[in-house]
PDB file of N, CA and C in Angstrom:
ATOM      1  N   MET A   1       8.267  -1.164  16.801  1.00  0.00           N
ATOM      2  CA  MET A   1       7.114  -0.876  15.968  1.00  0.00           C
ATOM      3  C   MET A   1       7.564  -0.761  14.519  1.00  0.00           C
ATOM      4  N   ASN A   2       6.772  -1.323  13.630  1.00  0.00           N
ATOM      5  CA  ASN A   2       7.079  -1.284  12.203  1.00  0.00           C
ATOM      6  C   ASN A   2       6.211  -0.252  11.489  1.00  0.00           C
ATOM      7  N   LEU A   3       6.691   0.140  10.324  1.00  0.00           N
ATOM      8  CA  LEU A   3       5.922   1.055   9.475  1.00  0.00           C
ATOM      9  C   LEU A   3       5.142   0.242   8.455  1.00  0.00           C
ATOM     10  N   TYR A   4       3.900   0.637   8.208  1.00  0.00           N
ATOM     11  CA  TYR A   4       3.034  -0.053   7.263  1.00  0.00           C
ATOM     12  C   TYR A   4       2.326   0.965   6.382  1.00  0.00           C
ATOM     13  N   GLU A   5       1.881   0.487   5.229  1.00  0.00           N
ATOM     14  CA  GLU A   5       1.012   1.279   4.371  1.00  0.00           C
ATOM     15  C   GLU A   5      -0.214   0.421   4.076  1.00  0.00           C
ATOM     16  N   GLY A   6      -1.369   0.997   4.261  1.00  0.00           N
ATOM     17  CA  GLY A   6      -2.605   0.279   4.007  1.00  0.00           C
ATOM     18  C   GLY A   6      -3.438   1.004   2.969  1.00  0.00           C
ATOM     19  N   VAL A   7      -3.995   0.237   2.044  1.00  0.00           N
ATOM     20  CA  VAL A   7      -4.941   0.771   1.062  1.00  0.00           C
ATOM     21  C   VAL A   7      -6.281   0.127   1.384  1.00  0.00           C
ATOM     22  N   PHE A   8      -7.270   0.963   1.606  1.00  0.00           N
ATOM     23  CA  PHE A   8      -8.599   0.500   1.997  1.00  0.00           C
ATOM     24  C   PHE A   8      -9.608   0.996   0.968  1.00  0.00           C
ATOM     25  N   ILE A   9     -10.470   0.097   0.513  1.00  0.00           N
ATOM     26  CA  ILE A   9     -11.457   0.448  -0.514  1.00  0.00           C
ATOM     27  C   ILE A   9     -12.852   0.330   0.093  1.00  0.00           C
ATOM     28  N   PHE A  10     -13.622   1.390  -0.092  1.00  0.00           N
ATOM     29  CA  PHE A  10     -14.988   1.475   0.422  1.00  0.00           C
ATOM     30  C   PHE A  10     -15.963   1.538  -0.752  1.00  0.00           C
ATOM     31  N   PRO A  11     -17.248   1.194  -0.538  1.00  0.00           N
ATOM     32  CA  PRO A  11     -18.238   1.268  -1.615  1.00  0.00           C
ATOM     33  C   PRO A  11     -18.328   2.685  -2.195  1.00  0.00           C
ATOM     34  N   PRO A  12     -18.491   2.810  -3.521  1.00  0.00           N
ATOM     35  CA  PRO A  12     -18.486   4.129  -4.159  1.00  0.00           C
ATOM     36  C   PRO A  12     -19.767   4.929  -3.955  1.00  0.00           C
ATOM     37  N   GLU A  13     -20.892   4.261  -3.695  1.00  0.00           N
ATOM     38  CA  GLU A  13     -22.172   4.967  -3.622  1.00  0.00           C
ATOM     39  C   GLU A  13     -22.466   5.587  -2.274  1.00  0.00           C
ATOM     40  N   GLU A  14     -21.595   5.406  -1.311  1.00  0.00           N
ATOM     41  CA  GLU A  14     -21.856   5.934   0.028  1.00  0.00           C
ATOM     42  C   GLU A  14     -21.914   7.457   0.023  1.00  0.00           C
ATOM     43  N   THR A  15     -22.762   8.009   0.886  1.00  0.00           N
ATOM     44  CA  THR A  15     -22.823   9.464   1.037  1.00  0.00           C
ATOM     45  C   THR A  15     -21.579   9.928   1.787  1.00  0.00           C
ATOM     46  N   ALA A  16     -21.288  11.204   1.708  1.00  0.00           N
ATOM     47  CA  ALA A  16     -20.119  11.759   2.387  1.00  0.00           C
ATOM     48  C   ALA A  16     -20.193  11.496   3.893  1.00  0.00           C
ATOM     49  N   GLU A  17     -21.385  11.596   4.452  1.00  0.00           N
ATOM     50  CA  GLU A  17     -21.565  11.371   5.889  1.00  0.00           C
ATOM     51  C   GLU A  17     -21.286   9.910   6.264  1.00  0.00           C
ATOM     52  N   ASN A  18     -21.811   8.969   5.461  1.00  0.00           N
ATOM     53  CA  ASN A  18     -21.563   7.550   5.721  1.00  0.00           C
ATOM     54  C   ASN A  18     -20.082   7.213   5.585  1.00  0.00           C
ATOM     55  N   ARG A  19     -19.454   7.777   4.559  1.00  0.00           N
ATOM     56  CA  ARG A  19     -18.029   7.524   4.332  1.00  0.00           C
ATOM     57  C   ARG A  19     -17.204   8.066   5.507  1.00  0.00           C
ATOM     58  N   LYS A  20     -17.601   9.233   6.007  1.00  0.00           N
ATOM     59  CA  LYS A  20     -16.918   9.828   7.154  1.00  0.00           C
ATOM     60  C   LYS A  20     -17.024   8.900   8.375  1.00  0.00           C
ATOM     61  N   ASN A  21     -18.196   8.318   8.577  1.00  0.00           N
ATOM     62  CA  ASN A  21     -18.399   7.375   9.685  1.00  0.00           C
ATOM     63  C   ASN A  21     -17.560   6.109   9.499  1.00  0.00           C
ATOM     64  N   GLN A  22     -17.476   5.623   8.251  1.00  0.00           N
ATOM     65  CA  GLN A  22     -16.659   4.438   7.980  1.00  0.00           C
ATOM     66  C   GLN A  22     -15.184   4.717   8.256  1.00  0.00           C
ATOM     67  N   PHE A  23     -14.707   5.895   7.851  1.00  0.00           N
ATOM     68  CA  PHE A  23     -13.319   6.280   8.111  1.00  0.00           C
ATOM     69  C   PHE A  23     -13.074   6.380   9.619  1.00  0.00           C
ATOM     70  N   LYS A  24     -14.054   6.924  10.340  1.00  0.00           N
ATOM     71  CA  LYS A  24     -13.936   7.058  11.791  1.00  0.00           C
ATOM     72  C   LYS A  24     -13.867   5.683  12.448  1.00  0.00           C
ATOM     73  N   ASN A  25     -14.691   4.738  11.969  1.00  0.00           N
ATOM     74  CA  ASN A  25     -14.657   3.370  12.498  1.00  0.00           C
ATOM     75  C   ASN A  25     -13.297   2.725  12.255  1.00  0.00           C
ATOM     76  N   LEU A  26     -12.721   2.976  11.095  1.00  0.00           N
ATOM     77  CA  LEU A  26     -11.403   2.439  10.774  1.00  0.00           C
ATOM     78  C   LEU A  26     -10.335   3.048  11.694  1.00  0.00           C
ATOM     79  N   GLU A  27     -10.424   4.345  11.930  1.00  0.00           N
ATOM     80  CA  GLU A  27      -9.481   5.004  12.838  1.00  0.00           C
ATOM     81  C   GLU A  27      -9.631   4.472  14.268  1.00  0.00           C
ATOM     82  N   ASP A  28     -10.850   4.159  14.676  1.00  0.00           N
ATOM     83  CA  ASP A  28     -11.078   3.560  15.993  1.00  0.00           C
ATOM     84  C   ASP A  28     -10.424   2.182  16.078  1.00  0.00           C
ATOM     85  N   LEU A  29     -10.457   1.445  14.967  1.00  0.00           N
ATOM     86  CA  LEU A  29      -9.815   0.136  14.924  1.00  0.00           C
ATOM     87  C   LEU A  29      -8.299   0.289  15.082  1.00  0.00           C
ATOM     88  N   PHE A  30      -7.717   1.307  14.448  1.00  0.00           N
ATOM     89  CA  PHE A  30      -6.288   1.589  14.632  1.00  0.00           C
ATOM     90  C   PHE A  30      -5.991   1.841  16.112  1.00  0.00           C
ATOM     91  N   SER A  31      -6.813   2.628  16.751  1.00  0.00           N
ATOM     92  CA  SER A  31      -6.615   2.944  18.170  1.00  0.00           C
ATOM     93  C   SER A  31      -6.712   1.690  19.030  1.00  0.00           C
ATOM     94  N   ARG A  32      -7.668   0.835  18.696  1.00  0.00           N
ATOM     95  CA  ARG A  32      -7.870  -0.385  19.476  1.00  0.00           C
ATOM     96  C   ARG A  32      -6.648  -1.296  19.427  1.00  0.00           C
ATOM     97  N   PHE A  33      -5.934  -1.281  18.298  1.00  0.00           N
ATOM     98  CA  PHE A  33      -4.737  -2.104  18.146  1.00  0.00           C
ATOM     99  C   PHE A  33      -3.459  -1.297  18.373  1.00  0.00           C
ATOM    100  N   GLN A  34      -3.588  -0.153  19.025  1.00  0.00           N
ATOM    101  CA  GLN A  34      -2.473   0.701  19.416  1.00  0.00           C
ATOM    102  C   GLN A  34      -1.613   1.127  18.228  1.00  0.00           C
ATOM    103  N   GLY A  35      -2.254   1.408  17.110  1.00  0.00           N
ATOM    104  CA  GLY A  35      -1.557   1.899  15.927  1.00  0.00           C
ATOM    105  C   GLY A  35      -1.524   3.415  15.909  1.00  0.00           C
ATOM    106  N   GLU A  36      -0.511   3.946  15.258  1.00  0.00           N
ATOM    107  CA  GLU A  36      -0.367   5.395  15.143  1.00  0.00           C
ATOM    108  C   GLU A  36      -0.442   5.773  13.663  1.00  0.00           C
ATOM    109  N   ILE A  37      -1.447   6.547  13.295  1.00  0.00           N
ATOM    110  CA  ILE A  37      -1.597   6.982  11.904  1.00  0.00           C
ATOM    111  C   ILE A  37      -0.624   8.129  11.653  1.00  0.00           C
ATOM    112  N   LEU A  38       0.247   7.938  10.669  1.00  0.00           N
ATOM    113  CA  LEU A  38       1.248   8.945  10.341  1.00  0.00           C
ATOM    114  C   LEU A  38       0.798   9.860   9.210  1.00  0.00           C
ATOM    115  N   HIS A  39       0.103   9.282   8.240  1.00  0.00           N
ATOM    116  CA  HIS A  39      -0.352  10.061   7.077  1.00  0.00           C
ATOM    117  C   HIS A  39      -1.601   9.397   6.520  1.00  0.00           C
ATOM    118  N   ARG A  40      -2.550  10.216   6.140  1.00  0.00           N
ATOM    119  CA  ARG A  40      -3.814   9.713   5.585  1.00  0.00           C
ATOM    120  C   ARG A  40      -4.104  10.488   4.311  1.00  0.00           C
ATOM    121  N   GLU A  41      -4.446   9.773   3.249  1.00  0.00           N
ATOM    122  CA  GLU A  41      -4.714  10.425   1.964  1.00  0.00           C
ATOM    123  C   GLU A  41      -5.899   9.753   1.289  1.00  0.00           C
ATOM    124  N   GLU A  42      -6.880  10.558   0.937  1.00  0.00           N
ATOM    125  CA  GLU A  42      -8.039  10.040   0.204  1.00  0.00           C
ATOM    126  C   GLU A  42      -7.765  10.164  -1.288  1.00  0.00           C
ATOM    127  N   TRP A  43      -7.856   9.045  -1.990  1.00  0.00           N
ATOM    128  CA  TRP A  43      -7.662   9.065  -3.441  1.00  0.00           C
ATOM    129  C   TRP A  43      -8.975   9.267  -4.173  1.00  0.00           C
ATOM    130  N   GLY A  44     -10.076   9.154  -3.472  1.00  0.00           N
ATOM    131  CA  GLY A  44     -11.380   9.350  -4.092  1.00  0.00           C
ATOM    132  C   GLY A  44     -11.880   8.106  -4.804  1.00  0.00           C
ATOM    133  N   LYS A  45     -12.832   8.327  -5.680  1.00  0.00           N
ATOM    134  CA  LYS A  45     -13.498   7.242  -6.402  1.00  0.00           C
ATOM    135  C   LYS A  45     -12.648   6.836  -7.607  1.00  0.00           C
ATOM    136  N   LYS A  46     -12.311   5.552  -7.694  1.00  0.00           N
ATOM    137  CA  LYS A  46     -11.475   5.024  -8.774  1.00  0.00           C
ATOM    138  C   LYS A  46     -12.091   3.730  -9.302  1.00  0.00           C
ATOM    139  N   PRO A  47     -11.849   3.431 -10.584  1.00  0.00           N
ATOM    140  CA  PRO A  47     -12.329   2.148 -11.113  1.00  0.00           C
ATOM    141  C   PRO A  47     -11.474   1.000 -10.579  1.00  0.00           C
ATOM    142  N   LEU A  48     -12.101  -0.140 -10.398  1.00  0.00           N
ATOM    143  CA  LEU A  48     -11.403  -1.349  -9.960  1.00  0.00           C
ATOM    144  C   LEU A  48     -11.048  -2.184 -11.190  1.00  0.00           C
ATOM    145  N   GLY A  49     -10.022  -2.972 -11.101  1.00  0.00           N
ATOM    146  CA  GLY A  49      -9.607  -3.813 -12.227  1.00  0.00           C
ATOM    147  C   GLY A  49     -10.564  -4.972 -12.485  1.00  0.00           C
ATOM    148  N   TYR A  50     -11.329  -5.339 -11.474  1.00  0.00           N
ATOM    149  CA  TYR A  50     -12.300  -6.422 -11.576  1.00  0.00           C
ATOM    150  C   TYR A  50     -13.374  -6.179 -10.514  1.00  0.00           C
ATOM    151  N   LYS A  51     -14.492  -6.884 -10.631  1.00  0.00           N
ATOM    152  CA  LYS A  51     -15.575  -6.706  -9.667  1.00  0.00           C
ATOM    153  C   LYS A  51     -15.155  -7.202  -8.290  1.00  0.00           C
ATOM    154  N   VAL A  52     -15.455  -6.394  -7.292  1.00  0.00           N
ATOM    155  CA  VAL A  52     -15.230  -6.774  -5.902  1.00  0.00           C
ATOM    156  C   VAL A  52     -16.552  -6.574  -5.185  1.00  0.00           C
ATOM    157  N   ARG A  53     -17.130  -7.689  -4.718  1.00  0.00           N
ATOM    158  CA  ARG A  53     -18.445  -7.649  -4.052  1.00  0.00           C
ATOM    159  C   ARG A  53     -19.465  -6.876  -4.886  1.00  0.00           C
ATOM    160  N   LYS A  54     -19.493  -7.141  -6.169  1.00  0.00           N
ATOM    161  CA  LYS A  54     -20.415  -6.567  -7.157  1.00  0.00           C
ATOM    162  C   LYS A  54     -20.143  -5.086  -7.471  1.00  0.00           C
ATOM    163  N   PHE A  55     -19.021  -4.555  -7.041  1.00  0.00           N
ATOM    164  CA  PHE A  55     -18.670  -3.163  -7.332  1.00  0.00           C
ATOM    165  C   PHE A  55     -17.610  -3.105  -8.423  1.00  0.00           C
ATOM    166  N   ARG A  56     -17.764  -2.170  -9.339  1.00  0.00           N
ATOM    167  CA  ARG A  56     -16.766  -1.906 -10.382  1.00  0.00           C
ATOM    168  C   ARG A  56     -15.885  -0.709 -10.032  1.00  0.00           C
ATOM    169  N   GLU A  57     -16.318   0.070  -9.019  1.00  0.00           N
ATOM    170  CA  GLU A  57     -15.567   1.236  -8.556  1.00  0.00           C
ATOM    171  C   GLU A  57     -15.497   1.179  -7.033  1.00  0.00           C
ATOM    172  N   GLY A  58     -14.554   1.954  -6.492  1.00  0.00           N
ATOM    173  CA  GLY A  58     -14.445   2.031  -5.046  1.00  0.00           C
ATOM    174  C   GLY A  58     -13.846   3.362  -4.632  1.00  0.00           C
ATOM    175  N   HIS A  59     -14.088   3.725  -3.396  1.00  0.00           N
ATOM    176  CA  HIS A  59     -13.519   4.950  -2.834  1.00  0.00           C
ATOM    177  C   HIS A  59     -12.274   4.537  -2.052  1.00  0.00           C
ATOM    178  N   PHE A  60     -11.098   5.034  -2.474  1.00  0.00           N
ATOM    179  CA  PHE A  60      -9.817   4.604  -1.931  1.00  0.00           C
ATOM    180  C   PHE A  60      -9.343   5.521  -0.807  1.00  0.00           C
ATOM    181  N   LEU A  61      -8.779   4.900   0.213  1.00  0.00           N
ATOM    182  CA  LEU A  61      -8.158   5.605   1.322  1.00  0.00           C
ATOM    183  C   LEU A  61      -6.807   4.944   1.578  1.00  0.00           C
ATOM    184  N   VAL A  62      -5.728   5.748   1.595  1.00  0.00           N
ATOM    185  CA  VAL A  62      -4.378   5.233   1.836  1.00  0.00           C
ATOM    186  C   VAL A  62      -3.898   5.795   3.167  1.00  0.00           C
ATOM    187  N   ILE A  63      -3.411   4.899   4.027  1.00  0.00           N
ATOM    188  CA  ILE A  63      -2.949   5.302   5.355  1.00  0.00           C
ATOM    189  C   ILE A  63      -1.565   4.723   5.615  1.00  0.00           C
ATOM    190  N   ASP A  64      -0.622   5.593   5.981  1.00  0.00           N
ATOM    191  CA  ASP A  64       0.683   5.166   6.480  1.00  0.00           C
ATOM    192  C   ASP A  64       0.566   5.133   7.995  1.00  0.00           C
ATOM    193  N   PHE A  65       0.998   4.025   8.598  1.00  0.00           N
ATOM    194  CA  PHE A  65       0.854   3.908  10.041  1.00  0.00           C
ATOM    195  C   PHE A  65       1.981   3.099  10.662  1.00  0.00           C
ATOM    196  N   ARG A  66       2.067   3.207  11.962  1.00  0.00           N
ATOM    197  CA  ARG A  66       3.061   2.490  12.756  1.00  0.00           C
ATOM    198  C   ARG A  66       2.308   1.609  13.737  1.00  0.00           C
ATOM    199  N   MET A  67       2.778   0.347  13.855  1.00  0.00           N
ATOM    200  CA  MET A  67       2.086  -0.582  14.740  1.00  0.00           C
ATOM    201  C   MET A  67       3.034  -1.704  15.131  1.00  0.00           C
ATOM    202  N   ASN A  68       2.812  -2.263  16.293  1.00  0.00           N
ATOM    203  CA  ASN A  68       3.546  -3.431  16.742  1.00  0.00           C
ATOM    204  C   ASN A  68       3.248  -4.584  15.773  1.00  0.00           C
ATOM    205  N   PRO A  69       4.265  -5.362  15.353  1.00  0.00           N
ATOM    206  CA  PRO A  69       4.027  -6.434  14.373  1.00  0.00           C
ATOM    207  C   PRO A  69       2.968  -7.457  14.795  1.00  0.00           C
ATOM    208  N   GLN A  70       2.947  -7.836  16.077  1.00  0.00           N
ATOM    209  CA  GLN A  70       1.938  -8.800  16.536  1.00  0.00           C
ATOM    210  C   GLN A  70       0.545  -8.185  16.456  1.00  0.00           C
ATOM    211  N   LYS A  71       0.439  -6.911  16.804  1.00  0.00           N
ATOM    212  CA  LYS A  71      -0.849  -6.221  16.724  1.00  0.00           C
ATOM    213  C   LYS A  71      -1.280  -6.060  15.267  1.00  0.00           C
ATOM    214  N   ALA A  72      -0.305  -5.862  14.360  1.00  0.00           N
ATOM    215  CA  ALA A  72      -0.622  -5.693  12.936  1.00  0.00           C
ATOM    216  C   ALA A  72      -1.262  -6.960  12.361  1.00  0.00           C
ATOM    217  N   VAL A  73      -0.782  -8.116  12.809  1.00  0.00           N
ATOM    218  CA  VAL A  73      -1.374  -9.383  12.356  1.00  0.00           C
ATOM    219  C   VAL A  73      -2.825  -9.477  12.821  1.00  0.00           C
ATOM    220  N   GLU A  74      -3.054  -9.153  14.081  1.00  0.00           N
ATOM    221  CA  GLU A  74      -4.420  -9.174  14.619  1.00  0.00           C
ATOM    222  C   GLU A  74      -5.302  -8.132  13.927  1.00  0.00           C
ATOM    223  N   PHE A  75      -4.726  -6.963  13.668  1.00  0.00           N
ATOM    224  CA  PHE A  75      -5.434  -5.884  12.981  1.00  0.00           C
ATOM    225  C   PHE A  75      -5.928  -6.355  11.606  1.00  0.00           C
ATOM    226  N   GLN A  76      -5.059  -7.043  10.868  1.00  0.00           N
ATOM    227  CA  GLN A  76      -5.427  -7.513   9.528  1.00  0.00           C
ATOM    228  C   GLN A  76      -6.484  -8.617   9.582  1.00  0.00           C
ATOM    229  N   LYS A  77      -6.501  -9.380  10.645  1.00  0.00           N
ATOM    230  CA  LYS A  77      -7.547 -10.398  10.803  1.00  0.00           C
ATOM    231  C   LYS A  77      -8.899  -9.755  11.081  1.00  0.00           C
ATOM    232  N   GLU A  78      -8.876  -8.609  11.717  1.00  0.00           N
ATOM    233  CA  GLU A  78     -10.108  -7.899  12.075  1.00  0.00           C
ATOM    234  C   GLU A  78     -10.687  -7.108  10.894  1.00  0.00           C
ATOM    235  N   LEU A  79      -9.846  -6.709   9.951  1.00  0.00           N
ATOM    236  CA  LEU A  79     -10.294  -5.848   8.842  1.00  0.00           C
ATOM    237  C   LEU A  79     -11.436  -6.426   7.996  1.00  0.00           C
ATOM    238  N   PRO A  80     -11.432  -7.718   7.661  1.00  0.00           N
ATOM    239  CA  PRO A  80     -12.561  -8.239   6.870  1.00  0.00           C
ATOM    240  C   PRO A  80     -13.909  -8.121   7.581  1.00  0.00           C
ATOM    241  N   LEU A  81     -13.883  -8.018   8.892  1.00  0.00           N
ATOM    242  CA  LEU A  81     -15.119  -7.891   9.666  1.00  0.00           C
ATOM    243  C   LEU A  81     -15.579  -6.444   9.778  1.00  0.00           C
ATOM    244  N   GLN A  82     -14.742  -5.523   9.329  1.00  0.00           N
ATOM    245  CA  GLN A  82     -15.037  -4.092   9.421  1.00  0.00           C
ATOM    246  C   GLN A  82     -16.119  -3.716   8.412  1.00  0.00           C
ATOM    247  N   GLU A  83     -17.176  -3.111   8.883  1.00  0.00           N
ATOM    248  CA  GLU A  83     -18.281  -2.727   8.007  1.00  0.00           C
ATOM    249  C   GLU A  83     -17.839  -1.649   7.021  1.00  0.00           C
ATOM    250  N   GLY A  84     -18.141  -1.871   5.754  1.00  0.00           N
ATOM    251  CA  GLY A  84     -17.855  -0.872   4.734  1.00  0.00           C
ATOM    252  C   GLY A  84     -16.574  -1.105   3.966  1.00  0.00           C
ATOM    253  N   VAL A  85     -15.613  -1.831   4.516  1.00  0.00           N
ATOM    254  CA  VAL A  85     -14.364  -2.097   3.795  1.00  0.00           C
ATOM    255  C   VAL A  85     -14.609  -3.258   2.846  1.00  0.00           C
ATOM    256  N   ILE A  86     -14.565  -2.968   1.523  1.00  0.00           N
ATOM    257  CA  ILE A  86     -14.824  -4.043   0.563  1.00  0.00           C
ATOM    258  C   ILE A  86     -13.533  -4.747   0.137  1.00  0.00           C
ATOM    259  N   LYS A  87     -12.397  -4.082   0.315  1.00  0.00           N
ATOM    260  CA  LYS A  87     -11.108  -4.682  -0.032  1.00  0.00           C
ATOM    261  C   LYS A  87     -10.028  -3.884   0.678  1.00  0.00           C
ATOM    262  N   PHE A  88      -8.935  -4.545   1.028  1.00  0.00           N
ATOM    263  CA  PHE A  88      -7.820  -3.846   1.670  1.00  0.00           C
ATOM    264  C   PHE A  88      -6.519  -4.574   1.382  1.00  0.00           C
ATOM    265  N   MET A  89      -5.427  -3.851   1.529  1.00  0.00           N
ATOM    266  CA  MET A  89      -4.104  -4.445   1.437  1.00  0.00           C
ATOM    267  C   MET A  89      -3.181  -3.672   2.370  1.00  0.00           C
ATOM    268  N   VAL A  90      -2.445  -4.391   3.189  1.00  0.00           N
ATOM    269  CA  VAL A  90      -1.495  -3.779   4.110  1.00  0.00           C
ATOM    270  C   VAL A  90      -0.125  -4.362   3.805  1.00  0.00           C
ATOM    271  N   VAL A  91       0.860  -3.486   3.599  1.00  0.00           N
ATOM    272  CA  VAL A  91       2.229  -3.926   3.326  1.00  0.00           C
ATOM    273  C   VAL A  91       3.182  -3.266   4.317  1.00  0.00           C
ATOM    274  N   THR A  92       4.270  -3.959   4.608  1.00  0.00           N
ATOM    275  CA  THR A  92       5.316  -3.400   5.452  1.00  0.00           C
ATOM    276  C   THR A  92       6.164  -2.480   4.604  1.00  0.00           C
ATOM    277  N   LYS A  93       6.422  -1.290   5.117  1.00  0.00           N
ATOM    278  CA  LYS A  93       7.264  -0.339   4.390  1.00  0.00           C
ATOM    279  C   LYS A  93       8.711  -0.505   4.838  1.00  0.00           C
ATOM    280  N   SER A  94       9.615  -0.318   3.902  1.00  0.00           N
ATOM    281  CA  SER A  94      11.036  -0.356   4.216  1.00  0.00           C
ATOM    282  C   SER A  94      11.374   0.925   4.960  1.00  0.00           C
ATOM    283  N   HIS A  95      11.888   0.815   6.179  1.00  0.00           N
ATOM    284  CA  HIS A  95      12.189   2.011   6.937  1.00  0.00           C
ATOM    285  C   HIS A  95      13.676   2.327   6.984  1.00  0.00           C
ATOM    286  N   LYS A  96      14.509   1.462   6.400  1.00  0.00           N
ATOM    287  CA  LYS A  96      15.938   1.753   6.316  1.00  0.00           C
ATOM    288  C   LYS A  96      16.374   1.537   4.878  1.00  0.00           C
ATOM    289  N   LEU A  97      17.006   2.527   4.308  1.00  0.00           N
ATOM    290  CA  LEU A  97      17.489   2.424   2.941  1.00  0.00           C
ATOM    291  C   LEU A  97      18.939   2.859   2.924  1.00  0.00           C
ATOM    292  N   ASP A  98      19.797   1.983   2.448  1.00  0.00           N
ATOM    293  CA  ASP A  98      21.216   2.285   2.347  1.00  0.00           C
ATOM    294  C   ASP A  98      21.460   2.975   1.019  1.00  0.00           C
ATOM    295  N   PRO A  99      21.810   4.273   1.004  1.00  0.00           N
ATOM    296  CA  PRO A  99      21.991   4.995  -0.256  1.00  0.00           C
ATOM    297  C   PRO A  99      23.093   4.387  -1.117  1.00  0.00           C
ATOM    298  N   LYS A 100      24.136   3.815  -0.496  1.00  0.00           N
ATOM    299  CA  LYS A 100      25.223   3.197  -1.266  1.00  0.00           C
ATOM    300  C   LYS A 100      24.717   1.964  -2.016  1.00  0.00           C
ATOM    301  N   ALA A 101      23.856   1.185  -1.370  1.00  0.00           N
ATOM    302  CA  ALA A 101      23.328  -0.023  -1.998  1.00  0.00           C
ATOM    303  C   ALA A 101      22.470   0.334  -3.206  1.00  0.00           C
ATOM    304  N   SER A 102      21.657   1.380  -3.100  1.00  0.00           N
ATOM    305  CA  SER A 102      20.795   1.753  -4.222  1.00  0.00           C
ATOM    306  C   SER A 102      21.624   2.284  -5.384  1.00  0.00           C
ATOM    307  N   THR A 103      22.764   2.945  -5.097  1.00  0.00           N
ATOM    308  CA  THR A 103      23.636   3.433  -6.159  1.00  0.00           C
ATOM    309  C   THR A 103      24.266   2.263  -6.885  1.00  0.00           C
ATOM    310  N   LYS A 104      24.699   1.234  -6.157  1.00  0.00           N
ATOM    311  CA  LYS A 104      25.318   0.064  -6.773  1.00  0.00           C
ATOM    312  C   LYS A 104      24.329  -0.649  -7.691  1.00  0.00           C
ATOM    313  N   VAL A 105      23.095  -0.775  -7.246  1.00  0.00           N
ATOM    314  CA  VAL A 105      22.076  -1.419  -8.081  1.00  0.00           C
ATOM    315  C   VAL A 105      21.859  -0.600  -9.341  1.00  0.00           C
ATOM    316  N   HIS A 106      21.803   0.723  -9.196  1.00  0.00           N
ATOM    317  CA  HIS A 106      21.596   1.603 -10.338  1.00  0.00           C
ATOM    318  C   HIS A 106      22.754   1.474 -11.327  1.00  0.00           C
ATOM    319  N   GLU A 107      23.976   1.449 -10.832  1.00  0.00           N
ATOM    320  CA  GLU A 107      25.141   1.324 -11.709  1.00  0.00           C
ATOM    321  C   GLU A 107      25.170  -0.035 -12.379  1.00  0.00           C
ATOM    322  N   ALA A 108      24.782  -1.076 -11.677  1.00  0.00           N
ATOM    323  CA  ALA A 108      24.792  -2.421 -12.247  1.00  0.00           C
ATOM    324  C   ALA A 108      23.760  -2.569 -13.349  1.00  0.00           C
ATOM    325  N   SER A 109      22.713  -1.783 -13.315  1.00  0.00           N
ATOM    326  CA  SER A 109      21.664  -1.899 -14.323  1.00  0.00           C
ATOM    327  C   SER A 109      21.981  -1.120 -15.594  1.00  0.00           C
ATOM    328  N   LYS A 110      23.061  -0.323 -15.593  1.00  0.00           N
ATOM    329  CA  LYS A 110      23.443   0.429 -16.786  1.00  0.00           C
ATOM    330  C   LYS A 110      24.013  -0.521 -17.832  1.00  0.00           C
ATOM    331  N   PRO A 111      23.689  -0.300 -19.102  1.00  0.00           N
ATOM    332  CA  PRO A 111      24.293  -1.135 -20.136  1.00  0.00           C
ATOM    333  C   PRO A 111      25.772  -0.779 -20.284  1.00  0.00           C
ATOM    334  N   PRO A 112      26.611  -1.755 -20.697  1.00  0.00           N
ATOM    335  CA  PRO A 112      28.034  -1.462 -20.856  1.00  0.00           C
ATOM    336  C   PRO A 112      28.253  -0.472 -21.996  1.00  0.00           C
ATOM    337  N   SER A 113      29.286   0.333 -21.859  1.00  0.00           N
ATOM    338  CA  SER A 113      29.590   1.282 -22.929  1.00  0.00           C
ATOM    339  C   SER A 113      30.185   0.528 -24.106  1.00  0.00           C
ATOM    340  N   SER A 114      30.277   1.171 -25.260  1.00  0.00           N
ATOM    341  CA  SER A 114      30.758   0.514 -26.471  1.00  0.00           C
ATOM    342  C   SER A 114      32.206   0.068 -26.331  1.00  0.00           C
ATOM    343  N   THR A 115      32.992   0.703 -25.480  1.00  0.00           N
ATOM    344  CA  THR A 115      34.383   0.291 -25.296  1.00  0.00           C
ATOM    345  C   THR A 115      34.475  -0.968 -24.459  1.00  0.00           C
ATOM    346  N   GLN A 116      33.428  -1.310 -23.735  1.00  0.00           N
ATOM    347  CA  GLN A 116      33.445  -2.498 -22.898  1.00  0.00           C
ATOM    348  C   GLN A 116      32.822  -3.712 -23.580  1.00  0.00           C
ATOM    349  N   LEU A 117      32.247  -3.538 -24.751  1.00  0.00           N
ATOM    350  CA  LEU A 117      31.599  -4.655 -25.434  1.00  0.00           C
ATOM    351  C   LEU A 117      32.648  -5.608 -25.969  1.00  0.00           C
ATOM    352  N   PRO A 118      32.406  -6.902 -25.887  1.00  0.00           N
ATOM    353  CA  PRO A 118      33.364  -7.873 -26.428  1.00  0.00           C
ATOM    354  C   PRO A 118      33.371  -7.790 -27.949  1.00  0.00           C
ATOM    355  N   ALA A 119      34.534  -8.047 -28.525  1.00  0.00           N
ATOM    356  CA  ALA A 119      34.655  -8.004 -29.979  1.00  0.00           C
ATOM    357  C   ALA A 119      33.901  -9.168 -30.578  1.00  0.00           C
ATOM    358  N   GLN A 120      33.185  -8.909 -31.659  1.00  0.00           N
ATOM    359  CA  GLN A 120      32.428  -9.954 -32.336  1.00  0.00           C
ATOM    360  C   GLN A 120      33.183 -10.371 -33.584  1.00  0.00           C
ATOM    361  N   SER A 121      33.263 -11.653 -33.796  1.00  0.00           N
ATOM    362  CA  SER A 121      33.951 -12.122 -34.998  1.00  0.00           C
ATOM    363  C   SER A 121      32.946 -12.274 -36.114  1.00  0.00           C
ATOM    364  N   ALA A 122      33.380 -11.961 -37.320  1.00  0.00           N
ATOM    365  CA  ALA A 122      32.499 -12.087 -38.486  1.00  0.00           C
ATOM    366  C   ALA A 122      32.614 -13.494 -39.021  1.00  0.00           C
ATOM    367  N   THR A 123      31.519 -14.227 -38.975  1.00  0.00           N
ATOM    368  CA  THR A 123      31.514 -15.581 -39.534  1.00  0.00           C
ATOM    369  C   THR A 123      30.510 -15.634 -40.656  1.00  0.00           C
ATOM    370  N   SER A 124      30.874 -16.382 -41.687  1.00  0.00           N
ATOM    371  CA  SER A 124      29.963 -16.486 -42.812  1.00  0.00           C
ATOM    372  C   SER A 124      29.444 -17.866 -43.009  1.00  0.00           C
TER     373      SER A 124
END
């Protein structure tokens, strides 16, 4: 099973009760595809960078979940058919991080010190 993060955008004008039902429908979809919700966070109403289905704002929901990769593909195919979801994005999360590798990248990105700079010749 892989780890995923999904951002789901719902219409901004929905009542709290309707939004609750939409979230419940989404959670039922996770269950149907044997996904396990690890963390759920509501970001609330936010402006969109461009119009999506005639909306300039949306209510954001972010979910970290675990799912079989084959089921995740099917899950993403089903999402556009989900009532109330105006936009979504699902990405695979990195579940293994080598601390030594991240240190090497960090060190490589440092600028050289003044003692390591090549000598410049003065030309006129």
